[in-house]
Protein backbone atom coordinates (compact mmCIF):
# COMPACT_ATOMS: atom_id res chain seq x y z
CA GLN A 1 0.00 0.00 0.00
CA VAL A 2 1.20 3.48 -0.82
CA GLN A 3 1.94 5.61 2.22
CA VAL A 4 0.95 9.27 2.05
CA VAL A 5 2.27 12.06 4.24
CA GLU A 6 0.99 15.64 4.14
CA SER A 7 2.58 18.72 5.63
CA GLY A 8 2.37 22.49 5.49
CA GLY A 9 -0.89 23.36 7.19
CA GLY A 10 -1.22 26.05 9.80
CA LEU A 11 -2.85 29.29 10.83
CA VAL A 12 -2.91 32.20 8.42
CA GLN A 13 -4.76 35.47 8.14
CA SER A 14 -7.36 36.08 5.46
CA GLY A 15 -5.63 36.99 2.20
CA GLY A 16 -2.52 35.06 3.13
CA SER A 17 -0.85 32.06 1.55
CA LEU A 18 0.17 28.54 2.48
CA ARG A 19 1.79 25.69 0.62
CA LEU A 20 0.84 22.11 1.34
CA SER A 21 3.01 19.14 0.44
CA CYS A 22 2.03 15.53 -0.14
CA ALA A 23 4.70 12.85 -0.38
CA ALA A 24 3.90 9.37 -1.66
CA SER A 25 5.96 6.27 -0.91
CA ALA A 26 5.60 4.98 -4.47
CA SER A 27 7.15 6.25 -7.66
CA ILE A 28 5.17 8.84 -9.52
CA SER A 29 5.28 6.56 -12.57
CA SER A 30 3.10 3.98 -10.76
CA ILE A 31 0.59 6.55 -9.59
CA ASN A 32 -2.46 7.44 -11.63
CA ALA A 33 -3.33 10.66 -9.88
CA MET A 34 -2.72 12.67 -6.72
CA GLY A 35 -5.26 15.06 -5.38
CA TRP A 36 -6.12 17.36 -2.54
CA TYR A 37 -9.44 17.19 -0.75
CA ARG A 38 -10.73 19.09 2.23
CA GLN A 39 -13.28 18.59 4.95
CA ALA A 40 -14.68 21.37 7.09
CA PRO A 41 -16.51 20.63 10.35
CA GLY A 42 -19.98 19.31 9.67
CA LYS A 43 -19.39 19.10 5.93
CA GLN A 44 -18.55 16.36 3.49
CA ARG A 45 -15.08 15.90 2.11
CA GLU A 46 -14.73 17.67 -1.22
CA LEU A 47 -12.24 17.76 -4.06
CA VAL A 48 -9.97 20.79 -4.16
CA ALA A 49 -7.49 19.95 -6.92
CA LEU A 50 -6.31 16.91 -8.81
CA PHE A 51 -3.09 16.20 -10.73
CA GLY A 52 -3.53 13.41 -13.27
CA LYS A 53 -0.92 11.00 -14.59
CA GLY A 54 -0.77 12.71 -17.95
CA GLY A 55 -0.17 16.07 -16.30
CA SER A 56 -3.77 17.18 -16.41
CA ARG A 57 -5.00 19.39 -13.62
CA LYS A 58 -8.49 19.82 -12.28
CA TYR A 59 -9.68 22.43 -9.81
CA ALA A 60 -12.85 22.96 -7.87
CA ASP A 61 -14.60 26.15 -8.93
CA PHE A 62 -14.20 27.68 -5.48
CA VAL A 63 -10.38 27.65 -5.74
CA LYS A 64 -9.82 28.52 -9.39
CA GLY A 65 -7.40 31.39 -9.71
CA ARG A 66 -6.32 31.10 -6.07
CA PHE A 67 -4.85 27.61 -5.69
CA THR A 68 -2.28 25.85 -7.86
CA ILE A 69 -1.40 22.16 -7.81
CA SER A 70 2.06 21.13 -8.96
CA ARG A 71 4.29 18.08 -8.86
CA ASP A 72 7.91 17.17 -8.23
CA ASN A 73 8.42 13.80 -9.90
CA ALA A 74 11.86 13.26 -8.42
CA LYS A 75 10.43 13.49 -4.91
CA ASN A 76 7.11 11.73 -5.60
CA THR A 77 5.47 14.83 -4.20
CA VAL A 78 2.61 17.11 -5.12
CA PHE A 79 2.12 20.59 -3.77
CA LEU A 80 -0.88 22.80 -3.29
CA GLN A 81 -0.03 26.49 -3.34
CA MET A 82 -2.91 28.35 -1.74
CA SER A 83 -3.18 32.11 -2.10
CA SER A 84 -5.82 34.71 -1.28
CA LEU A 85 -7.06 32.44 1.46
CA LYS A 86 -10.50 33.03 2.91
CA PRO A 87 -11.99 31.99 6.25
CA GLU A 88 -14.21 29.54 4.37
CA ASP A 89 -11.06 27.70 3.25
CA THR A 90 -10.63 26.56 6.85
CA ALA A 91 -10.66 22.76 6.85
CA VAL A 92 -8.58 19.66 7.23
CA TYR A 93 -6.83 19.08 3.91
CA TYR A 94 -6.23 15.50 2.82
CA CYS A 95 -4.08 14.11 0.06
CA LYS A 96 -5.35 11.13 -1.92
CA VAL A 97 -3.11 8.98 -4.09
CA LEU A 98 -4.67 6.76 -6.77
CA TYR A 99 -2.57 3.89 -8.07
CA GLY A 100 -2.81 0.50 -9.67
CA ILE A 101 -6.31 -0.66 -10.53
CA GLU A 102 -8.72 1.39 -8.46
CA SER A 103 -6.45 1.43 -5.39
CA PHE A 104 -6.00 4.53 -3.34
CA SER A 105 -4.49 5.80 -0.10
CA TRP A 106 -5.31 8.81 2.05
CA GLY A 107 -2.94 10.85 4.14
CA GLN A 108 -3.62 11.72 7.76
CA GLY A 109 -4.69 15.27 6.93
CA THR A 110 -3.27 18.67 7.73
CA GLN A 111 -5.25 21.46 9.37
CA VAL A 112 -5.60 24.83 7.67
CA ILE A 113 -7.15 27.68 9.64
CA VAL A 114 -7.78 31.04 8.03
CA SER A 115 -8.61 33.83 10.44
CA SER A 116 -10.66 36.85 9.43
């Protein structure tokens, strides 16, 4: 099973920036996609951004123009650069790695708190 470790969360003021990192224990070449999801208290987990195997990127409408997902193949890592953060971006952010045939692993989550 692929191990996933996130880092980079924290407390930031509204309008500020944070960069999240997600490291996978498997080679990027064996991974189909890596994505960021988030879950706010009392809400369902939702997709934030996804980086596909072919280099495609998908963003949720609520982060377009503010968040950027990128990848470092040498380090089997994807990043989520978050800018112009809003209080409603407060959530636990999870990284999901899809590999093999319909297999996936979740990270433990990293808390992001945006103060107004």
